[in-house]
Each structure stands twice: as C-alpha cells, then as structure tokens.
Amino acid sequence: MERMPRLEFLLENLERHQAKKHVKNAVKEWLLASRSVIESVIDTMEEEKTTPVARKINISKE
C-alpha cells in the first residue's frame, strides 16, 4: 500500500509532462505557421514592387 501514493504521484507527473509537451509542440507549430504566413506576405509585397507598370504612350498623328 505504500507504493500506491508513489504510483499516483508518478502518473500525475507523467500526465503533466505530456500536457506540457503537447502545449510546447502546439506553440512551435503555431510559430512555424505564422512564420510561413509572414514570409508569404513579404514575398507578395516584393513581387508587387517588381511588377512592371503599364505606361501610356502618346502617338501623334503627323
């Protein structure tokens, strides 16, 4: 019977660490996804800068 509290303590610690690990992984995934979105926005902004602009050419009827 002495081992029962120890076993419960061990199981509680395992549950806590697993939860902590899952939260840590979720945060990492969120950060990676955010980074991907930010990089896409930056790429889009850079593409807009290099996109050629149409210019009107005046042709005289001489």
PDB file of N, CA and C in Angstrom:
ATOM      1  N   MET A   1       0.809  -1.204   0.000  1.00  0.00           N
ATOM      2  CA  MET A   1       0.000   0.000   0.000  1.00  0.00           C
ATOM      3  C   MET A   1       0.851   1.267   0.000  1.00  0.00           C
ATOM      4  N   GLU A   2       2.080   1.166   0.440  1.00  0.00           N
ATOM      5  CA  GLU A   2       2.951   2.342   0.451  1.00  0.00           C
ATOM      6  C   GLU A   2       3.266   2.811  -0.969  1.00  0.00           C
ATOM      7  N   ARG A   3       3.244   1.899  -1.878  1.00  0.00           N
ATOM      8  CA  ARG A   3       3.601   2.227  -3.259  1.00  0.00           C
ATOM      9  C   ARG A   3       2.483   2.959  -3.996  1.00  0.00           C
ATOM     10  N   MET A   4       1.280   2.848  -3.506  1.00  0.00           N
ATOM     11  CA  MET A   4       0.150   3.465  -4.193  1.00  0.00           C
ATOM     12  C   MET A   4       0.293   4.985  -4.313  1.00  0.00           C
ATOM     13  N   PRO A   5       0.593   5.720  -3.258  1.00  0.00           N
ATOM     14  CA  PRO A   5       0.770   7.176  -3.402  1.00  0.00           C
ATOM     15  C   PRO A   5       1.922   7.523  -4.356  1.00  0.00           C
ATOM     16  N   ARG A   6       2.982   6.723  -4.315  1.00  0.00           N
ATOM     17  CA  ARG A   6       4.115   6.962  -5.214  1.00  0.00           C
ATOM     18  C   ARG A   6       3.706   6.762  -6.669  1.00  0.00           C
ATOM     19  N   LEU A   7       2.929   5.732  -6.915  1.00  0.00           N
ATOM     20  CA  LEU A   7       2.460   5.446  -8.266  1.00  0.00           C
ATOM     21  C   LEU A   7       1.538   6.565  -8.751  1.00  0.00           C
ATOM     22  N   GLU A   8       0.654   7.004  -7.881  1.00  0.00           N
ATOM     23  CA  GLU A   8      -0.236   8.114  -8.244  1.00  0.00           C
ATOM     24  C   GLU A   8       0.576   9.378  -8.557  1.00  0.00           C
ATOM     25  N   PHE A   9       1.583   9.634  -7.739  1.00  0.00           N
ATOM     26  CA  PHE A   9       2.444  10.790  -7.956  1.00  0.00           C
ATOM     27  C   PHE A   9       3.157  10.680  -9.310  1.00  0.00           C
ATOM     28  N   LEU A  10       3.663   9.506  -9.608  1.00  0.00           N
ATOM     29  CA  LEU A  10       4.349   9.273 -10.869  1.00  0.00           C
ATOM     30  C   LEU A  10       3.404   9.478 -12.055  1.00  0.00           C
ATOM     31  N   LEU A  11       2.202   8.941 -11.960  1.00  0.00           N
ATOM     32  CA  LEU A  11       1.226   9.083 -13.037  1.00  0.00           C
ATOM     33  C   LEU A  11       0.818  10.544 -13.232  1.00  0.00           C
ATOM     34  N   GLU A  12       0.651  11.260 -12.139  1.00  0.00           N
ATOM     35  CA  GLU A  12       0.309  12.686 -12.241  1.00  0.00           C
ATOM     36  C   GLU A  12       1.426  13.467 -12.937  1.00  0.00           C
ATOM     37  N   ASN A  13       2.663  13.156 -12.571  1.00  0.00           N
ATOM     38  CA  ASN A  13       3.795  13.834 -13.207  1.00  0.00           C
ATOM     39  C   ASN A  13       3.873  13.519 -14.695  1.00  0.00           C
ATOM     40  N   LEU A  14       3.628  12.272 -15.051  1.00  0.00           N
ATOM     41  CA  LEU A  14       3.648  11.897 -16.464  1.00  0.00           C
ATOM     42  C   LEU A  14       2.582  12.659 -17.238  1.00  0.00           C
ATOM     43  N   GLU A  15       1.396  12.762 -16.654  1.00  0.00           N
ATOM     44  CA  GLU A  15       0.311  13.494 -17.309  1.00  0.00           C
ATOM     45  C   GLU A  15       0.677  14.966 -17.486  1.00  0.00           C
ATOM     46  N   ARG A  16       1.272  15.539 -16.467  1.00  0.00           N
ATOM     47  CA  ARG A  16       1.657  16.951 -16.543  1.00  0.00           C
ATOM     48  C   ARG A  16       2.703  17.180 -17.625  1.00  0.00           C
ATOM     49  N   HIS A  17       3.686  16.303 -17.664  1.00  0.00           N
ATOM     50  CA  HIS A  17       4.750  16.470 -18.651  1.00  0.00           C
ATOM     51  C   HIS A  17       4.233  16.268 -20.067  1.00  0.00           C
ATOM     52  N   GLN A  18       3.329  15.335 -20.241  1.00  0.00           N
ATOM     53  CA  GLN A  18       2.758  15.130 -21.570  1.00  0.00           C
ATOM     54  C   GLN A  18       1.967  16.366 -21.995  1.00  0.00           C
ATOM     55  N   ALA A  19       1.205  16.910 -21.083  1.00  0.00           N
ATOM     56  CA  ALA A  19       0.435  18.120 -21.403  1.00  0.00           C
ATOM     57  C   ALA A  19       1.392  19.258 -21.756  1.00  0.00           C
ATOM     58  N   LYS A  20       2.450  19.377 -20.981  1.00  0.00           N
ATOM     59  CA  LYS A  20       3.436  20.423 -21.237  1.00  0.00           C
ATOM     60  C   LYS A  20       4.075  20.218 -22.615  1.00  0.00           C
ATOM     61  N   LYS A  21       4.374  18.977 -22.927  1.00  0.00           N
ATOM     62  CA  LYS A  21       4.984  18.656 -24.222  1.00  0.00           C
ATOM     63  C   LYS A  21       4.028  18.991 -25.370  1.00  0.00           C
ATOM     64  N   HIS A  22       2.756  18.661 -25.194  1.00  0.00           N
ATOM     65  CA  HIS A  22       1.768  18.950 -26.231  1.00  0.00           C
ATOM     66  C   HIS A  22       1.602  20.456 -26.433  1.00  0.00           C
ATOM     67  N   VAL A  23       1.572  21.192 -25.350  1.00  0.00           N
ATOM     68  CA  VAL A  23       1.449  22.654 -25.444  1.00  0.00           C
ATOM     69  C   VAL A  23       2.677  23.226 -26.148  1.00  0.00           C
ATOM     70  N   LYS A  24       3.841  22.725 -25.784  1.00  0.00           N
ATOM     71  CA  LYS A  24       5.083  23.180 -26.398  1.00  0.00           C
ATOM     72  C   LYS A  24       5.071  22.918 -27.907  1.00  0.00           C
ATOM     73  N   ASN A  25       4.647  21.720 -28.292  1.00  0.00           N
ATOM     74  CA  ASN A  25       4.577  21.373 -29.714  1.00  0.00           C
ATOM     75  C   ASN A  25       3.547  22.227 -30.445  1.00  0.00           C
ATOM     76  N   ALA A  26       2.428  22.484 -29.794  1.00  0.00           N
ATOM     77  CA  ALA A  26       1.387  23.315 -30.412  1.00  0.00           C
ATOM     78  C   ALA A  26       1.901  24.734 -30.647  1.00  0.00           C
ATOM     79  N   VAL A  27       2.629  25.267 -29.686  1.00  0.00           N
ATOM     80  CA  VAL A  27       3.189  26.614 -29.831  1.00  0.00           C
ATOM     81  C   VAL A  27       4.210  26.638 -30.967  1.00  0.00           C
ATOM     82  N   LYS A  28       5.047  25.597 -31.041  1.00  0.00           N
ATOM     83  CA  LYS A  28       6.029  25.522 -32.128  1.00  0.00           C
ATOM     84  C   LYS A  28       5.335  25.485 -33.486  1.00  0.00           C
ATOM     85  N   GLU A  29       4.301  24.674 -33.604  1.00  0.00           N
ATOM     86  CA  GLU A  29       3.563  24.583 -34.864  1.00  0.00           C
ATOM     87  C   GLU A  29       2.928  25.924 -35.220  1.00  0.00           C
ATOM     88  N   TRP A  30       2.369  26.598 -34.218  1.00  0.00           N
ATOM     89  CA  TRP A  30       1.742  27.898 -34.460  1.00  0.00           C
ATOM     90  C   TRP A  30       2.786  28.908 -34.945  1.00  0.00           C
ATOM     91  N   LEU A  31       3.962  28.898 -34.303  1.00  0.00           N
ATOM     92  CA  LEU A  31       5.020  29.821 -34.704  1.00  0.00           C
ATOM     93  C   LEU A  31       5.498  29.539 -36.127  1.00  0.00           C
ATOM     94  N   LEU A  32       5.639  28.259 -36.464  1.00  0.00           N
ATOM     95  CA  LEU A  32       6.056  27.909 -37.822  1.00  0.00           C
ATOM     96  C   LEU A  32       5.014  28.341 -38.850  1.00  0.00           C
ATOM     97  N   ALA A  33       3.746  28.148 -38.521  1.00  0.00           N
ATOM     98  CA  ALA A  33       2.674  28.563 -39.431  1.00  0.00           C
ATOM     99  C   ALA A  33       2.673  30.082 -39.583  1.00  0.00           C
ATOM    100  N   SER A  34       2.858  30.796 -38.482  1.00  0.00           N
ATOM    101  CA  SER A  34       2.902  32.263 -38.526  1.00  0.00           C
ATOM    102  C   SER A  34       4.072  32.731 -39.377  1.00  0.00           C
ATOM    103  N   ARG A  35       5.198  32.073 -39.212  1.00  0.00           N
ATOM    104  CA  ARG A  35       6.385  32.420 -39.995  1.00  0.00           C
ATOM    105  C   ARG A  35       6.119  32.223 -41.486  1.00  0.00           C
ATOM    106  N   SER A  36       5.465  31.137 -41.813  1.00  0.00           N
ATOM    107  CA  SER A  36       5.140  30.849 -43.209  1.00  0.00           C
ATOM    108  C   SER A  36       4.230  31.924 -43.797  1.00  0.00           C
ATOM    109  N   VAL A  37       3.243  32.334 -43.024  1.00  0.00           N
ATOM    110  CA  VAL A  37       2.322  33.381 -43.486  1.00  0.00           C
ATOM    111  C   VAL A  37       3.073  34.695 -43.676  1.00  0.00           C
ATOM    112  N   ILE A  38       3.911  35.037 -42.735  1.00  0.00           N
ATOM    113  CA  ILE A  38       4.676  36.284 -42.818  1.00  0.00           C
ATOM    114  C   ILE A  38       5.593  36.266 -44.041  1.00  0.00           C
ATOM    115  N   GLU A  39       6.259  35.128 -44.283  1.00  0.00           N
ATOM    116  CA  GLU A  39       7.133  35.022 -45.451  1.00  0.00           C
ATOM    117  C   GLU A  39       6.339  35.166 -46.746  1.00  0.00           C
ATOM    118  N   SER A  40       5.144  34.608 -46.787  1.00  0.00           N
ATOM    119  CA  SER A  40       4.295  34.732 -47.977  1.00  0.00           C
ATOM    120  C   SER A  40       3.899  36.185 -48.217  1.00  0.00           C
ATOM    121  N   VAL A  41       3.570  36.884 -47.146  1.00  0.00           N
ATOM    122  CA  VAL A  41       3.202  38.303 -47.271  1.00  0.00           C
ATOM    123  C   VAL A  41       4.394  39.109 -47.780  1.00  0.00           C
ATOM    124  N   ILE A  42       5.565  38.834 -47.241  1.00  0.00           N
ATOM    125  CA  ILE A  42       6.771  39.543 -47.680  1.00  0.00           C
ATOM    126  C   ILE A  42       7.042  39.259 -49.155  1.00  0.00           C
ATOM    127  N   ASP A  43       6.941  37.992 -49.555  1.00  0.00           N
ATOM    128  CA  ASP A  43       7.143  37.637 -50.965  1.00  0.00           C
ATOM    129  C   ASP A  43       6.160  38.372 -51.864  1.00  0.00           C
ATOM    130  N   THR A  44       4.913  38.431 -51.448  1.00  0.00           N
ATOM    131  CA  THR A  44       3.891  39.120 -52.237  1.00  0.00           C
ATOM    132  C   THR A  44       4.211  40.606 -52.357  1.00  0.00           C
ATOM    133  N   MET A  45       4.640  41.203 -51.270  1.00  0.00           N
ATOM    134  CA  MET A  45       4.983  42.626 -51.296  1.00  0.00           C
ATOM    135  C   MET A  45       6.175  42.879 -52.218  1.00  0.00           C
ATOM    136  N   GLU A  46       7.154  41.981 -52.191  1.00  0.00           N
ATOM    137  CA  GLU A  46       8.319  42.143 -53.056  1.00  0.00           C
ATOM    138  C   GLU A  46       7.937  41.970 -54.520  1.00  0.00           C
ATOM    139  N   GLU A  47       7.033  41.043 -54.799  1.00  0.00           N
ATOM    140  CA  GLU A  47       6.575  40.830 -56.174  1.00  0.00           C
ATOM    141  C   GLU A  47       5.851  42.069 -56.692  1.00  0.00           C
ATOM    142  N   GLU A  48       5.087  42.717 -55.825  1.00  0.00           N
ATOM    143  CA  GLU A  48       4.364  43.925 -56.230  1.00  0.00           C
ATOM    144  C   GLU A  48       5.330  45.032 -56.622  1.00  0.00           C
ATOM    145  N   LYS A  49       6.468  45.105 -55.965  1.00  0.00           N
ATOM    146  CA  LYS A  49       7.453  46.141 -56.270  1.00  0.00           C
ATOM    147  C   LYS A  49       8.080  45.918 -57.645  1.00  0.00           C
ATOM    148  N   THR A  50       8.286  44.664 -58.011  1.00  0.00           N
ATOM    149  CA  THR A  50       8.976  44.366 -59.265  1.00  0.00           C
ATOM    150  C   THR A  50       8.028  44.164 -60.438  1.00  0.00           C
ATOM    151  N   THR A  51       6.739  44.235 -60.206  1.00  0.00           N
ATOM    152  CA  THR A  51       5.768  44.058 -61.280  1.00  0.00           C
ATOM    153  C   THR A  51       5.838  45.249 -62.225  1.00  0.00           C
ATOM    154  N   PRO A  52       5.966  44.988 -63.523  1.00  0.00           N
ATOM    155  CA  PRO A  52       6.028  46.105 -64.469  1.00  0.00           C
ATOM    156  C   PRO A  52       4.715  46.884 -64.492  1.00  0.00           C
ATOM    157  N   VAL A  53       4.851  48.178 -64.676  1.00  0.00           N
ATOM    158  CA  VAL A  53       3.689  49.061 -64.695  1.00  0.00           C
ATOM    159  C   VAL A  53       3.410  49.456 -66.141  1.00  0.00           C
ATOM    160  N   ALA A  54       2.167  49.368 -66.555  1.00  0.00           N
ATOM    161  CA  ALA A  54       1.794  49.774 -67.912  1.00  0.00           C
ATOM    162  C   ALA A  54       1.840  51.289 -68.008  1.00  0.00           C
ATOM    163  N   ARG A  55       2.423  51.776 -69.089  1.00  0.00           N
ATOM    164  CA  ARG A  55       2.518  53.221 -69.286  1.00  0.00           C
ATOM    165  C   ARG A  55       1.832  53.596 -70.588  1.00  0.00           C
ATOM    166  N   LYS A  56       1.206  54.715 -70.558  1.00  0.00           N
ATOM    167  CA  LYS A  56       0.509  55.197 -71.749  1.00  0.00           C
ATOM    168  C   LYS A  56       1.514  55.873 -72.680  1.00  0.00           C
ATOM    169  N   ILE A  57       1.465  55.483 -73.940  1.00  0.00           N
ATOM    170  CA  ILE A  57       2.362  56.071 -74.934  1.00  0.00           C
ATOM    171  C   ILE A  57       1.529  56.945 -75.861  1.00  0.00           C
ATOM    172  N   ASN A  58       1.896  58.205 -75.947  1.00  0.00           N
ATOM    173  CA  ASN A  58       1.192  59.139 -76.838  1.00  0.00           C
ATOM    174  C   ASN A  58       1.775  59.034 -78.245  1.00  0.00           C
ATOM    175  N   ILE A  59       0.922  58.781 -79.209  1.00  0.00           N
ATOM    176  CA  ILE A  59       1.349  58.707 -80.607  1.00  0.00           C
ATOM    177  C   ILE A  59       0.703  59.876 -81.345  1.00  0.00           C
ATOM    178  N   SER A  60       1.544  60.713 -81.909  1.00  0.00           N
ATOM    179  CA  SER A  60       1.000  61.872 -82.640  1.00  0.00           C
ATOM    180  C   SER A  60       0.625  61.456 -84.058  1.00  0.00           C
ATOM    181  N   LYS A  61      -0.357  62.141 -84.644  1.00  0.00           N
ATOM    182  CA  LYS A  61      -0.838  61.817 -85.995  1.00  0.00           C
ATOM    183  C   LYS A  61      -0.229  62.773 -87.016  1.00  0.00           C
ATOM    184  N   GLU A  62       1.025  62.930 -87.067  1.00  0.00           N
ATOM    185  CA  GLU A  62       1.675  63.844 -88.009  1.00  0.00           C
ATOM    186  C   GLU A  62       2.003  63.185 -89.303  1.00  0.00           C
TER     187      GLU A  62
END
